[in-house]
Amino acid sequence: MEKKITILGVWKEGWEITMKNLLSILGAVVLYVLTIWIPYLNVGTTIAMTTIPIELSKGHVISPLFIFDAKYRRYMGEYFMLIGLMIMALIPAYLFLLIPGIVISYAWSLAIYLLLDKKMAPGEAIVKSNEATYGYKWTIFICTLAIYVAIGVVVGIANAINDVFGSIVNIILMIVAMPFIFACYAVIYRNLTAEEQPAANLSGSTAETTEPAAGE
């Protein structure tokens, strides 16, 4: 059975999406920071920022202004309910030597996207995310962890050369890494939640109906 996602596949397509949307994502971040102090509006923009992968998964270049779409405030009740359910379950999971919490975090990592994109109820989104990520949690973990490790290594080398140079490199990498992580999750979300197409019934499409011969 062909895998829906691979580490190299996610990175390759994620980088292509990042290059198309880098300025748009950075613009959205700037607008979010500038308006975070505005009550009520900041709820919608916060929800929008967490769901950037949904917009990226559609394949077009996003507009930074999408974070002000009123639809994100419309689902604030469901959003906070989902976050509450996840937190209540993750706290005891992390107390069991950390690993169960990490596993569940990745199992439910698509729940917010499913809630807003597929209009699922909070509980349904959690269950669907768990099903969609089954067999792929390790792939998702490596996809994201390797990015942070690579940043740490490069910044560490840059700091060893010069502290100021290290700071500049760190800022540049973080500016690129955040959109790249969003883009990787866009690929992961799109591929793992895509509806499977039923196999074509070749015999049914080519078979001819045999008419009974006269007199039979």
N, C-alpha and C. Protein backbone atom coordinates (compact mmCIF):
# COMPACT_ATOMS: atom_id res chain seq x y z
N MET A 1 0.84 -1.19 0.00
CA MET A 1 0.00 0.00 0.00
C MET A 1 0.88 1.25 0.00
N GLU A 2 0.59 2.17 -0.91
CA GLU A 2 1.39 3.38 -1.03
C GLU A 2 1.14 4.30 0.16
N LYS A 3 2.22 4.83 0.72
CA LYS A 3 2.09 5.73 1.86
C LYS A 3 1.51 7.07 1.43
N LYS A 4 0.65 7.63 2.27
CA LYS A 4 0.04 8.91 1.96
C LYS A 4 1.04 10.05 2.09
N ILE A 5 1.97 9.94 3.05
CA ILE A 5 3.01 10.96 3.21
C ILE A 5 4.34 10.29 3.51
N THR A 6 5.41 10.93 3.08
CA THR A 6 6.76 10.53 3.44
C THR A 6 7.50 11.78 3.91
N ILE A 7 8.55 11.60 4.67
CA ILE A 7 9.28 12.75 5.20
C ILE A 7 9.81 13.63 4.08
N LEU A 8 10.50 13.03 3.12
CA LEU A 8 11.07 13.82 2.02
C LEU A 8 9.98 14.44 1.15
N GLY A 9 8.88 13.71 0.97
CA GLY A 9 7.78 14.25 0.18
C GLY A 9 7.15 15.46 0.83
N VAL A 10 6.95 15.39 2.15
CA VAL A 10 6.38 16.53 2.89
C VAL A 10 7.32 17.72 2.82
N TRP A 11 8.61 17.49 3.02
CA TRP A 11 9.57 18.60 2.97
C TRP A 11 9.63 19.23 1.59
N LYS A 12 9.65 18.40 0.56
CA LYS A 12 9.77 18.92 -0.81
C LYS A 12 8.58 19.80 -1.17
N GLU A 13 7.38 19.28 -0.97
CA GLU A 13 6.20 20.07 -1.31
C GLU A 13 6.01 21.22 -0.34
N GLY A 14 6.37 20.99 0.93
CA GLY A 14 6.27 22.06 1.92
C GLY A 14 7.15 23.25 1.56
N TRP A 15 8.34 22.96 1.04
CA TRP A 15 9.24 24.05 0.65
C TRP A 15 8.68 24.83 -0.54
N GLU A 16 8.07 24.13 -1.49
CA GLU A 16 7.46 24.80 -2.64
C GLU A 16 6.32 25.72 -2.20
N ILE A 17 5.50 25.23 -1.26
CA ILE A 17 4.40 26.04 -0.75
C ILE A 17 4.95 27.24 0.02
N THR A 18 6.02 27.03 0.77
CA THR A 18 6.63 28.12 1.54
C THR A 18 7.12 29.23 0.62
N MET A 19 7.78 28.87 -0.45
CA MET A 19 8.32 29.87 -1.37
C MET A 19 7.20 30.69 -2.02
N LYS A 20 6.04 30.07 -2.24
CA LYS A 20 4.93 30.80 -2.85
C LYS A 20 4.22 31.71 -1.86
N ASN A 21 4.27 31.35 -0.58
CA ASN A 21 3.46 32.06 0.41
C ASN A 21 4.27 32.75 1.51
N LEU A 22 5.59 32.79 1.38
CA LEU A 22 6.43 33.33 2.45
C LEU A 22 6.02 34.74 2.85
N LEU A 23 5.91 35.63 1.88
CA LEU A 23 5.57 37.03 2.18
C LEU A 23 4.15 37.14 2.74
N SER A 24 3.24 36.32 2.22
CA SER A 24 1.85 36.36 2.69
C SER A 24 1.75 35.93 4.16
N ILE A 25 2.48 34.86 4.51
CA ILE A 25 2.45 34.38 5.89
C ILE A 25 3.09 35.39 6.83
N LEU A 26 4.22 35.95 6.42
CA LEU A 26 4.88 36.97 7.25
C LEU A 26 3.99 38.20 7.40
N GLY A 27 3.27 38.55 6.33
CA GLY A 27 2.33 39.66 6.41
C GLY A 27 1.21 39.38 7.40
N ALA A 28 0.71 38.14 7.40
CA ALA A 28 -0.33 37.75 8.36
C ALA A 28 0.18 37.84 9.79
N VAL A 29 1.43 37.42 9.99
CA VAL A 29 2.03 37.48 11.33
C VAL A 29 2.12 38.93 11.80
N VAL A 30 2.56 39.82 10.92
CA VAL A 30 2.68 41.25 11.27
C VAL A 30 1.32 41.83 11.63
N LEU A 31 0.30 41.54 10.81
CA LEU A 31 -1.04 42.04 11.08
C LEU A 31 -1.58 41.48 12.39
N TYR A 32 -1.28 40.22 12.67
CA TYR A 32 -1.73 39.60 13.91
C TYR A 32 -1.11 40.30 15.13
N VAL A 33 0.19 40.55 15.07
CA VAL A 33 0.89 41.21 16.18
C VAL A 33 0.34 42.62 16.39
N LEU A 34 0.06 43.33 15.31
CA LEU A 34 -0.43 44.71 15.41
C LEU A 34 -1.84 44.81 15.96
N THR A 35 -2.63 43.73 15.81
CA THR A 35 -4.04 43.79 16.23
C THR A 35 -4.35 42.88 17.41
N ILE A 36 -3.34 42.26 18.01
CA ILE A 36 -3.57 41.30 19.09
C ILE A 36 -4.22 41.95 20.30
N TRP A 37 -4.11 43.26 20.43
CA TRP A 37 -4.64 43.97 21.60
C TRP A 37 -6.13 44.27 21.48
N ILE A 38 -6.73 44.06 20.31
CA ILE A 38 -8.14 44.42 20.09
C ILE A 38 -9.04 43.28 20.57
N PRO A 39 -9.85 43.53 21.62
CA PRO A 39 -10.72 42.47 22.16
C PRO A 39 -11.68 41.92 21.11
N TYR A 40 -12.01 40.68 21.23
CA TYR A 40 -12.94 39.96 20.36
C TYR A 40 -12.32 39.69 18.98
N LEU A 41 -11.80 40.75 18.34
CA LEU A 41 -11.14 40.54 17.05
C LEU A 41 -9.95 39.60 17.21
N ASN A 42 -9.25 39.74 18.36
CA ASN A 42 -8.05 38.92 18.55
C ASN A 42 -8.36 37.43 18.70
N VAL A 43 -9.60 37.12 19.08
CA VAL A 43 -9.97 35.70 19.16
C VAL A 43 -10.01 35.10 17.75
N GLY A 44 -10.65 35.83 16.84
CA GLY A 44 -10.74 35.35 15.47
C GLY A 44 -9.38 35.26 14.80
N THR A 45 -8.54 36.27 15.01
CA THR A 45 -7.22 36.25 14.37
C THR A 45 -6.33 35.15 14.94
N THR A 46 -6.49 34.87 16.23
CA THR A 46 -5.71 33.79 16.85
C THR A 46 -6.12 32.44 16.26
N ILE A 47 -7.43 32.23 16.13
CA ILE A 47 -7.91 30.99 15.53
C ILE A 47 -7.41 30.89 14.09
N ALA A 48 -7.47 31.99 13.36
CA ALA A 48 -7.02 31.99 11.96
C ALA A 48 -5.54 31.64 11.85
N MET A 49 -4.72 32.18 12.74
CA MET A 49 -3.28 31.91 12.69
C MET A 49 -2.97 30.43 12.92
N THR A 50 -3.73 29.81 13.79
CA THR A 50 -3.48 28.39 14.07
C THR A 50 -3.94 27.49 12.93
N THR A 51 -4.75 28.04 12.03
CA THR A 51 -5.28 27.22 10.94
C THR A 51 -4.73 27.64 9.58
N ILE A 52 -3.61 28.32 9.56
CA ILE A 52 -2.97 28.69 8.29
C ILE A 52 -2.76 27.46 7.39
N PRO A 53 -2.39 26.29 7.93
CA PRO A 53 -2.23 25.12 7.05
C PRO A 53 -3.47 24.77 6.23
N ILE A 54 -4.66 25.09 6.74
CA ILE A 54 -5.88 24.83 5.97
C ILE A 54 -5.85 25.63 4.68
N GLU A 55 -5.54 26.93 4.80
CA GLU A 55 -5.50 27.79 3.62
C GLU A 55 -4.39 27.36 2.67
N LEU A 56 -3.24 27.01 3.22
CA LEU A 56 -2.12 26.60 2.38
C LEU A 56 -2.41 25.29 1.65
N SER A 57 -3.21 24.42 2.27
CA SER A 57 -3.48 23.11 1.67
C SER A 57 -4.34 23.21 0.42
N LYS A 58 -4.95 24.37 0.19
CA LYS A 58 -5.84 24.54 -0.97
C LYS A 58 -5.07 24.85 -2.24
N GLY A 59 -3.76 25.10 -2.11
CA GLY A 59 -2.92 25.23 -3.29
C GLY A 59 -2.75 26.62 -3.87
N HIS A 60 -3.51 27.60 -3.37
CA HIS A 60 -3.36 28.95 -3.91
C HIS A 60 -2.54 29.83 -2.97
N VAL A 61 -2.11 30.97 -3.46
CA VAL A 61 -1.37 31.91 -2.63
C VAL A 61 -2.37 32.63 -1.72
N ILE A 62 -2.13 32.57 -0.43
CA ILE A 62 -3.08 33.13 0.53
C ILE A 62 -2.91 34.65 0.63
N SER A 63 -3.95 35.31 1.13
CA SER A 63 -3.89 36.74 1.40
C SER A 63 -3.67 36.95 2.90
N PRO A 64 -2.77 37.84 3.27
CA PRO A 64 -2.54 38.10 4.71
C PRO A 64 -3.81 38.54 5.44
N LEU A 65 -4.76 39.10 4.69
CA LEU A 65 -5.99 39.63 5.29
C LEU A 65 -6.98 38.54 5.67
N PHE A 66 -6.69 37.29 5.31
CA PHE A 66 -7.64 36.22 5.60
C PHE A 66 -7.85 36.06 7.11
N ILE A 67 -6.90 36.50 7.93
CA ILE A 67 -7.03 36.32 9.38
C ILE A 67 -8.18 37.14 9.95
N PHE A 68 -8.68 38.12 9.19
CA PHE A 68 -9.78 38.95 9.68
C PHE A 68 -11.15 38.43 9.22
N ASP A 69 -11.18 37.29 8.58
CA ASP A 69 -12.44 36.71 8.13
C ASP A 69 -13.32 36.39 9.34
N ALA A 70 -14.56 36.83 9.28
CA ALA A 70 -15.47 36.66 10.42
C ALA A 70 -15.79 35.20 10.72
N LYS A 71 -15.56 34.31 9.76
CA LYS A 71 -15.91 32.90 9.98
C LYS A 71 -15.12 32.29 11.12
N TYR A 72 -13.94 32.82 11.41
CA TYR A 72 -13.12 32.26 12.49
C TYR A 72 -13.72 32.60 13.85
N ARG A 73 -14.34 33.76 13.97
CA ARG A 73 -15.00 34.10 15.24
C ARG A 73 -16.29 33.32 15.42
N ARG A 74 -16.89 32.90 14.32
CA ARG A 74 -18.15 32.15 14.38
C ARG A 74 -17.98 30.83 15.11
N TYR A 75 -16.78 30.24 15.02
CA TYR A 75 -16.55 28.93 15.62
C TYR A 75 -15.73 29.00 16.90
N MET A 76 -15.73 30.17 17.55
CA MET A 76 -14.91 30.29 18.76
C MET A 76 -15.37 29.35 19.87
N GLY A 77 -16.68 29.11 19.98
CA GLY A 77 -17.18 28.20 21.01
C GLY A 77 -16.66 26.79 20.82
N GLU A 78 -16.78 26.29 19.60
CA GLU A 78 -16.29 24.95 19.29
C GLU A 78 -14.77 24.88 19.43
N TYR A 79 -14.10 25.96 19.04
CA TYR A 79 -12.63 26.00 19.12
C TYR A 79 -12.16 25.87 20.57
N PHE A 80 -12.74 26.67 21.46
CA PHE A 80 -12.34 26.62 22.86
C PHE A 80 -12.76 25.30 23.52
N MET A 81 -13.88 24.76 23.08
CA MET A 81 -14.30 23.45 23.61
C MET A 81 -13.29 22.37 23.22
N LEU A 82 -12.85 22.42 21.97
CA LEU A 82 -11.86 21.45 21.50
C LEU A 82 -10.55 21.59 22.26
N ILE A 83 -10.08 22.82 22.42
CA ILE A 83 -8.84 23.06 23.16
C ILE A 83 -8.97 22.55 24.60
N GLY A 84 -10.13 22.81 25.21
CA GLY A 84 -10.36 22.36 26.58
C GLY A 84 -10.32 20.85 26.70
N LEU A 85 -10.99 20.16 25.77
CA LEU A 85 -10.99 18.69 25.80
C LEU A 85 -9.58 18.13 25.64
N MET A 86 -8.82 18.72 24.74
CA MET A 86 -7.47 18.24 24.50
C MET A 86 -6.56 18.47 25.71
N ILE A 87 -6.68 19.65 26.32
CA ILE A 87 -5.84 19.95 27.48
C ILE A 87 -6.15 19.00 28.63
N MET A 88 -7.45 18.76 28.87
CA MET A 88 -7.84 17.89 29.98
C MET A 88 -7.30 16.47 29.81
N ALA A 89 -7.20 16.03 28.56
CA ALA A 89 -6.68 14.68 28.31
C ALA A 89 -5.16 14.65 28.28
N LEU A 90 -4.55 15.73 27.80
CA LEU A 90 -3.09 15.73 27.62
C LEU A 90 -2.34 15.90 28.94
N ILE A 91 -2.91 16.63 29.90
CA ILE A 91 -2.21 16.85 31.17
C ILE A 91 -1.90 15.52 31.86
N PRO A 92 -2.89 14.65 32.10
CA PRO A 92 -2.54 13.36 32.73
C PRO A 92 -1.67 12.49 31.84
N ALA A 93 -1.84 12.61 30.50
CA ALA A 93 -1.02 11.81 29.59
C ALA A 93 0.45 12.19 29.70
N TYR A 94 0.74 13.48 29.84
CA TYR A 94 2.13 13.93 29.96
C TYR A 94 2.72 13.54 31.32
N LEU A 95 1.86 13.33 32.31
CA LEU A 95 2.36 12.92 33.62
C LEU A 95 2.90 11.49 33.61
N PHE A 96 2.45 10.69 32.64
CA PHE A 96 2.92 9.31 32.53
C PHE A 96 4.21 9.25 31.72
N LEU A 97 5.28 9.81 32.30
CA LEU A 97 6.62 9.76 31.72
C LEU A 97 6.71 10.39 30.34
N LEU A 98 5.87 11.38 30.08
CA LEU A 98 5.97 12.27 28.91
C LEU A 98 5.56 11.64 27.57
N ILE A 99 6.03 10.43 27.30
CA ILE A 99 5.85 9.83 25.97
C ILE A 99 4.37 9.70 25.57
N PRO A 100 3.47 9.20 26.44
CA PRO A 100 2.07 9.12 26.04
C PRO A 100 1.49 10.48 25.62
N GLY A 101 1.90 11.54 26.31
CA GLY A 101 1.42 12.87 25.96
C GLY A 101 1.88 13.29 24.59
N ILE A 102 3.13 12.99 24.26
CA ILE A 102 3.68 13.33 22.94
C ILE A 102 2.93 12.58 21.85
N VAL A 103 2.71 11.28 22.07
CA VAL A 103 2.02 10.45 21.08
C VAL A 103 0.61 10.99 20.84
N ILE A 104 -0.12 11.28 21.91
CA ILE A 104 -1.49 11.79 21.76
C ILE A 104 -1.49 13.16 21.10
N SER A 105 -0.50 13.99 21.42
CA SER A 105 -0.42 15.32 20.81
C SER A 105 -0.34 15.21 19.29
N TYR A 106 0.47 14.28 18.81
CA TYR A 106 0.58 14.10 17.36
C TYR A 106 -0.66 13.41 16.79
N ALA A 107 -1.27 12.53 17.56
CA ALA A 107 -2.49 11.86 17.10
C ALA A 107 -3.62 12.86 16.90
N TRP A 108 -3.66 13.89 17.73
CA TRP A 108 -4.72 14.89 17.65
C TRP A 108 -4.29 16.17 16.94
N SER A 109 -3.15 16.16 16.30
CA SER A 109 -2.60 17.38 15.72
C SER A 109 -3.42 17.96 14.57
N LEU A 110 -4.30 17.18 13.98
CA LEU A 110 -5.12 17.66 12.87
C LEU A 110 -6.53 18.05 13.30
N ALA A 111 -6.83 17.90 14.59
CA ALA A 111 -8.20 18.09 15.07
C ALA A 111 -8.71 19.52 14.83
N ILE A 112 -7.87 20.52 15.09
CA ILE A 112 -8.30 21.90 14.90
C ILE A 112 -8.62 22.18 13.44
N TYR A 113 -7.82 21.62 12.54
CA TYR A 113 -8.05 21.82 11.12
C TYR A 113 -9.37 21.17 10.69
N LEU A 114 -9.62 19.97 11.19
CA LEU A 114 -10.86 19.26 10.85
C LEU A 114 -12.08 20.00 11.40
N LEU A 115 -11.94 20.57 12.59
CA LEU A 115 -13.04 21.31 13.21
C LEU A 115 -13.47 22.47 12.33
N LEU A 116 -12.52 23.25 11.83
CA LEU A 116 -12.83 24.46 11.08
C LEU A 116 -13.01 24.22 9.59
N ASP A 117 -12.29 23.26 9.05
CA ASP A 117 -12.37 23.03 7.61
C ASP A 117 -13.50 22.09 7.24
N LYS A 118 -13.68 21.03 8.01
CA LYS A 118 -14.70 20.03 7.71
C LYS A 118 -15.97 20.23 8.52
N LYS A 119 -15.96 21.25 9.39
CA LYS A 119 -17.12 21.58 10.24
C LYS A 119 -17.53 20.41 11.14
N MET A 120 -16.53 19.70 11.67
CA MET A 120 -16.81 18.59 12.57
C MET A 120 -17.01 19.09 13.99
N ALA A 121 -17.75 18.32 14.78
CA ALA A 121 -17.89 18.62 16.20
C ALA A 121 -16.54 18.33 16.88
N PRO A 122 -16.26 19.00 18.03
CA PRO A 122 -14.96 18.80 18.70
C PRO A 122 -14.58 17.34 18.93
N GLY A 123 -15.49 16.56 19.48
CA GLY A 123 -15.19 15.16 19.74
C GLY A 123 -14.95 14.38 18.46
N GLU A 124 -15.75 14.68 17.44
CA GLU A 124 -15.60 13.99 16.16
C GLU A 124 -14.26 14.34 15.51
N ALA A 125 -13.85 15.61 15.64
CA ALA A 125 -12.57 16.05 15.06
C ALA A 125 -11.40 15.32 15.71
N ILE A 126 -11.48 15.12 17.02
CA ILE A 126 -10.41 14.40 17.73
C ILE A 126 -10.33 12.96 17.25
N VAL A 127 -11.48 12.31 17.15
CA VAL A 127 -11.51 10.91 16.71
C VAL A 127 -10.99 10.78 15.29
N LYS A 128 -11.43 11.68 14.40
CA LYS A 128 -11.02 11.63 13.00
C LYS A 128 -9.52 11.90 12.86
N SER A 129 -8.99 12.84 13.66
CA SER A 129 -7.56 13.13 13.62
C SER A 129 -6.76 11.91 14.06
N ASN A 130 -7.24 11.24 15.09
CA ASN A 130 -6.56 10.04 15.58
C ASN A 130 -6.54 8.96 14.50
N GLU A 131 -7.64 8.83 13.78
CA GLU A 131 -7.71 7.84 12.70
C GLU A 131 -6.80 8.23 11.53
N ALA A 132 -6.81 9.51 11.18
CA ALA A 132 -6.04 9.97 10.02
C ALA A 132 -4.53 9.86 10.24
N THR A 133 -4.10 10.07 11.48
CA THR A 133 -2.66 10.05 11.76
C THR A 133 -2.15 8.65 12.14
N TYR A 134 -3.05 7.68 12.23
CA TYR A 134 -2.64 6.32 12.62
C TYR A 134 -1.62 5.78 11.60
N GLY A 135 -0.48 5.37 12.09
CA GLY A 135 0.57 4.86 11.22
C GLY A 135 1.49 5.92 10.67
N TYR A 136 1.17 7.20 10.96
CA TYR A 136 1.97 8.30 10.42
C TYR A 136 2.51 9.25 11.49
N LYS A 137 2.24 8.93 12.77
CA LYS A 137 2.69 9.83 13.84
C LYS A 137 4.21 9.97 13.86
N TRP A 138 4.93 8.88 13.62
CA TRP A 138 6.39 8.95 13.62
C TRP A 138 6.89 9.82 12.47
N THR A 139 6.25 9.71 11.32
CA THR A 139 6.62 10.54 10.16
C THR A 139 6.41 12.02 10.47
N ILE A 140 5.25 12.34 11.06
CA ILE A 140 4.97 13.73 11.42
C ILE A 140 5.97 14.24 12.44
N PHE A 141 6.30 13.40 13.42
CA PHE A 141 7.25 13.76 14.47
C PHE A 141 8.61 14.10 13.87
N ILE A 142 9.11 13.24 12.99
CA ILE A 142 10.41 13.47 12.38
C ILE A 142 10.38 14.72 11.49
N CYS A 143 9.30 14.89 10.74
CA CYS A 143 9.16 16.06 9.85
C CYS A 143 9.35 17.36 10.61
N THR A 144 8.73 17.45 11.78
CA THR A 144 8.79 18.69 12.55
C THR A 144 10.04 18.77 13.42
N LEU A 145 10.40 17.67 14.08
CA LEU A 145 11.55 17.69 14.98
C LEU A 145 12.84 18.01 14.22
N ALA A 146 13.01 17.42 13.05
CA ALA A 146 14.24 17.63 12.28
C ALA A 146 14.44 19.10 11.92
N ILE A 147 13.35 19.81 11.72
CA ILE A 147 13.45 21.24 11.39
C ILE A 147 14.06 22.01 12.57
N TYR A 148 13.56 21.74 13.78
CA TYR A 148 14.08 22.42 14.96
C TYR A 148 15.52 22.02 15.25
N VAL A 149 15.83 20.75 15.04
CA VAL A 149 17.20 20.28 15.26
C VAL A 149 18.16 20.97 14.28
N ALA A 150 17.73 21.06 13.01
CA ALA A 150 18.58 21.71 12.00
C ALA A 150 18.82 23.17 12.35
N ILE A 151 17.77 23.85 12.81
CA ILE A 151 17.92 25.25 13.21
C ILE A 151 18.90 25.38 14.37
N GLY A 152 18.76 24.49 15.36
CA GLY A 152 19.65 24.53 16.52
C GLY A 152 21.11 24.32 16.14
N VAL A 153 21.34 23.38 15.21
CA VAL A 153 22.72 23.09 14.78
C VAL A 153 23.32 24.29 14.05
N VAL A 154 22.56 24.84 13.10
CA VAL A 154 23.06 25.97 12.31
C VAL A 154 23.30 27.19 13.19
N VAL A 155 22.36 27.47 14.09
CA VAL A 155 22.51 28.62 14.99
C VAL A 155 23.69 28.41 15.94
N GLY A 156 23.86 27.17 16.40
CA GLY A 156 24.99 26.86 17.28
C GLY A 156 26.33 27.12 16.60
N ILE A 157 26.43 26.71 15.33
CA ILE A 157 27.65 26.96 14.56
C ILE A 157 27.86 28.45 14.35
N ALA A 158 26.76 29.16 14.02
CA ALA A 158 26.86 30.61 13.79
C ALA A 158 27.27 31.34 15.06
N ASN A 159 26.74 30.91 16.21
CA ASN A 159 27.11 31.54 17.49
C ASN A 159 28.57 31.28 17.83
N ALA A 160 29.06 30.11 17.42
CA ALA A 160 30.47 29.79 17.68
C ALA A 160 31.39 30.72 16.89
N ILE A 161 30.91 31.16 15.74
CA ILE A 161 31.70 32.08 14.92
C ILE A 161 31.66 33.49 15.50
N ASN A 162 30.43 33.94 15.79
CA ASN A 162 30.24 35.28 16.32
C ASN A 162 28.84 35.39 16.89
N ASP A 163 28.70 36.00 18.08
CA ASP A 163 27.39 36.10 18.72
C ASP A 163 26.41 36.92 17.90
N VAL A 164 26.88 38.03 17.36
CA VAL A 164 25.99 38.89 16.56
C VAL A 164 25.56 38.14 15.29
N PHE A 165 26.52 37.49 14.66
CA PHE A 165 26.22 36.71 13.45
C PHE A 165 25.23 35.60 13.79
N GLY A 166 25.39 34.96 14.94
CA GLY A 166 24.48 33.91 15.37
C GLY A 166 23.07 34.42 15.56
N SER A 167 22.95 35.60 16.14
CA SER A 167 21.62 36.21 16.36
C SER A 167 20.93 36.50 15.04
N ILE A 168 21.70 37.03 14.09
CA ILE A 168 21.13 37.35 12.78
C ILE A 168 20.66 36.08 12.07
N VAL A 169 21.50 35.05 12.12
CA VAL A 169 21.15 33.76 11.49
C VAL A 169 19.91 33.17 12.15
N ASN A 170 19.83 33.28 13.47
CA ASN A 170 18.68 32.75 14.21
C ASN A 170 17.39 33.43 13.77
N ILE A 171 17.42 34.75 13.64
CA ILE A 171 16.23 35.50 13.23
C ILE A 171 15.80 35.09 11.82
N ILE A 172 16.78 35.01 10.92
CA ILE A 172 16.48 34.65 9.53
C ILE A 172 15.87 33.25 9.45
N LEU A 173 16.47 32.31 10.17
CA LEU A 173 15.98 30.93 10.14
C LEU A 173 14.58 30.81 10.72
N MET A 174 14.31 31.53 11.80
CA MET A 174 12.99 31.48 12.41
C MET A 174 11.93 32.08 11.49
N ILE A 175 12.31 33.13 10.74
CA ILE A 175 11.38 33.75 9.80
C ILE A 175 10.98 32.76 8.70
N VAL A 176 11.94 31.95 8.26
CA VAL A 176 11.67 30.97 7.22
C VAL A 176 11.07 29.69 7.79
N ALA A 177 11.51 29.29 8.99
CA ALA A 177 11.09 28.02 9.56
C ALA A 177 9.60 27.99 9.90
N MET A 178 9.07 29.10 10.43
CA MET A 178 7.66 29.11 10.81
C MET A 178 6.75 28.88 9.60
N PRO A 179 6.92 29.62 8.49
CA PRO A 179 6.10 29.33 7.31
C PRO A 179 6.33 27.91 6.77
N PHE A 180 7.57 27.42 6.87
CA PHE A 180 7.88 26.07 6.38
C PHE A 180 7.13 25.02 7.19
N ILE A 181 7.06 25.20 8.51
CA ILE A 181 6.33 24.25 9.35
C ILE A 181 4.84 24.30 9.02
N PHE A 182 4.30 25.51 8.84
CA PHE A 182 2.91 25.65 8.43
C PHE A 182 2.67 24.90 7.12
N ALA A 183 3.58 25.07 6.17
CA ALA A 183 3.43 24.45 4.85
C ALA A 183 3.52 22.92 4.95
N CYS A 184 4.43 22.42 5.78
CA CYS A 184 4.54 20.97 5.97
C CYS A 184 3.24 20.40 6.54
N TYR A 185 2.65 21.10 7.49
CA TYR A 185 1.39 20.64 8.06
C TYR A 185 0.26 20.73 7.03
N ALA A 186 0.36 21.68 6.11
CA ALA A 186 -0.64 21.77 5.05
C ALA A 186 -0.60 20.51 4.19
N VAL A 187 0.58 20.05 3.85
CA VAL A 187 0.74 18.83 3.06
C VAL A 187 0.25 17.62 3.85
N ILE A 188 0.65 17.55 5.12
CA ILE A 188 0.24 16.44 5.98
C ILE A 188 -1.28 16.39 6.11
N TYR A 189 -1.88 17.54 6.40
CA TYR A 189 -3.33 17.60 6.59
C TYR A 189 -4.07 17.22 5.31
N ARG A 190 -3.66 17.79 4.19
CA ARG A 190 -4.35 17.52 2.93
C ARG A 190 -4.27 16.05 2.56
N ASN A 191 -3.09 15.45 2.68
CA ASN A 191 -2.91 14.07 2.25
C ASN A 191 -3.56 13.05 3.18
N LEU A 192 -3.50 13.32 4.48
CA LEU A 192 -4.04 12.34 5.44
C LEU A 192 -5.55 12.41 5.58
N THR A 193 -6.15 13.52 5.17
CA THR A 193 -7.61 13.65 5.32
C THR A 193 -8.33 13.61 3.98
N ALA A 194 -7.57 13.41 2.90
CA ALA A 194 -8.20 13.34 1.57
C ALA A 194 -9.09 12.11 1.50
N GLU A 195 -10.24 12.29 0.89
CA GLU A 195 -11.17 11.17 0.74
C GLU A 195 -10.60 10.19 -0.27
N GLU A 196 -10.56 8.92 0.09
CA GLU A 196 -10.04 7.90 -0.82
C GLU A 196 -11.06 7.64 -1.93
N GLN A 197 -10.55 7.63 -3.16
CA GLN A 197 -11.42 7.37 -4.30
C GLN A 197 -11.60 5.86 -4.47
N PRO A 198 -12.83 5.41 -4.64
CA PRO A 198 -13.05 3.97 -4.83
C PRO A 198 -12.40 3.50 -6.13
N ALA A 199 -11.86 2.30 -6.08
CA ALA A 199 -11.22 1.76 -7.28
C ALA A 199 -12.24 1.58 -8.38
N ALA A 200 -11.81 1.87 -9.59
CA ALA A 200 -12.73 1.75 -10.73
C ALA A 200 -13.08 0.29 -10.98
N ASN A 201 -14.32 0.05 -11.26
CA ASN A 201 -14.78 -1.30 -11.55
C ASN A 201 -14.61 -1.55 -13.05
N LEU A 202 -13.40 -2.04 -13.39
CA LEU A 202 -13.08 -2.19 -14.80
C LEU A 202 -14.00 -3.18 -15.49
N SER A 203 -14.32 -4.26 -14.79
CA SER A 203 -15.19 -5.26 -15.41
C SER A 203 -16.57 -4.69 -15.67
N GLY A 204 -17.02 -3.84 -14.70
CA GLY A 204 -18.35 -3.27 -14.85
C GLY A 204 -18.40 -2.23 -15.94
N SER A 205 -17.24 -1.53 -16.16
CA SER A 205 -17.24 -0.45 -17.15
C SER A 205 -17.08 -0.99 -18.58
N THR A 206 -16.56 -2.19 -18.72
CA THR A 206 -16.29 -2.70 -20.06
C THR A 206 -17.19 -3.87 -20.45
N ALA A 207 -17.80 -4.44 -19.42
CA ALA A 207 -18.63 -5.62 -19.72
C ALA A 207 -19.86 -5.23 -20.50
N GLU A 208 -20.23 -6.05 -21.42
CA GLU A 208 -21.42 -5.80 -22.22
C GLU A 208 -22.53 -6.66 -21.67
N THR A 209 -23.72 -6.11 -21.69
CA THR A 209 -24.87 -6.87 -21.23
C THR A 209 -25.28 -7.86 -22.32
N THR A 210 -25.36 -9.08 -21.96
CA THR A 210 -25.70 -10.13 -22.94
C THR A 210 -27.21 -10.29 -22.98
N GLU A 211 -27.77 -9.98 -24.12
CA GLU A 211 -29.20 -10.13 -24.28
C GLU A 211 -29.52 -11.60 -24.57
N PRO A 212 -30.52 -12.10 -23.93
CA PRO A 212 -30.89 -13.50 -24.23
C PRO A 212 -31.34 -13.65 -25.67
N ALA A 213 -30.91 -14.73 -26.29
CA ALA A 213 -31.30 -14.97 -27.67
C ALA A 213 -32.78 -15.27 -27.77
N ALA A 214 -33.33 -14.93 -28.89
CA ALA A 214 -34.77 -15.17 -29.08
C ALA A 214 -35.05 -16.65 -28.94
N GLY A 215 -36.08 -16.92 -28.24
CA GLY A 215 -36.49 -18.30 -28.06
C GLY A 215 -35.89 -18.98 -26.87
N GLU A 216 -34.90 -18.34 -26.20
CA GLU A 216 -34.28 -18.95 -25.00
C GLU A 216 -35.15 -18.70 -23.80
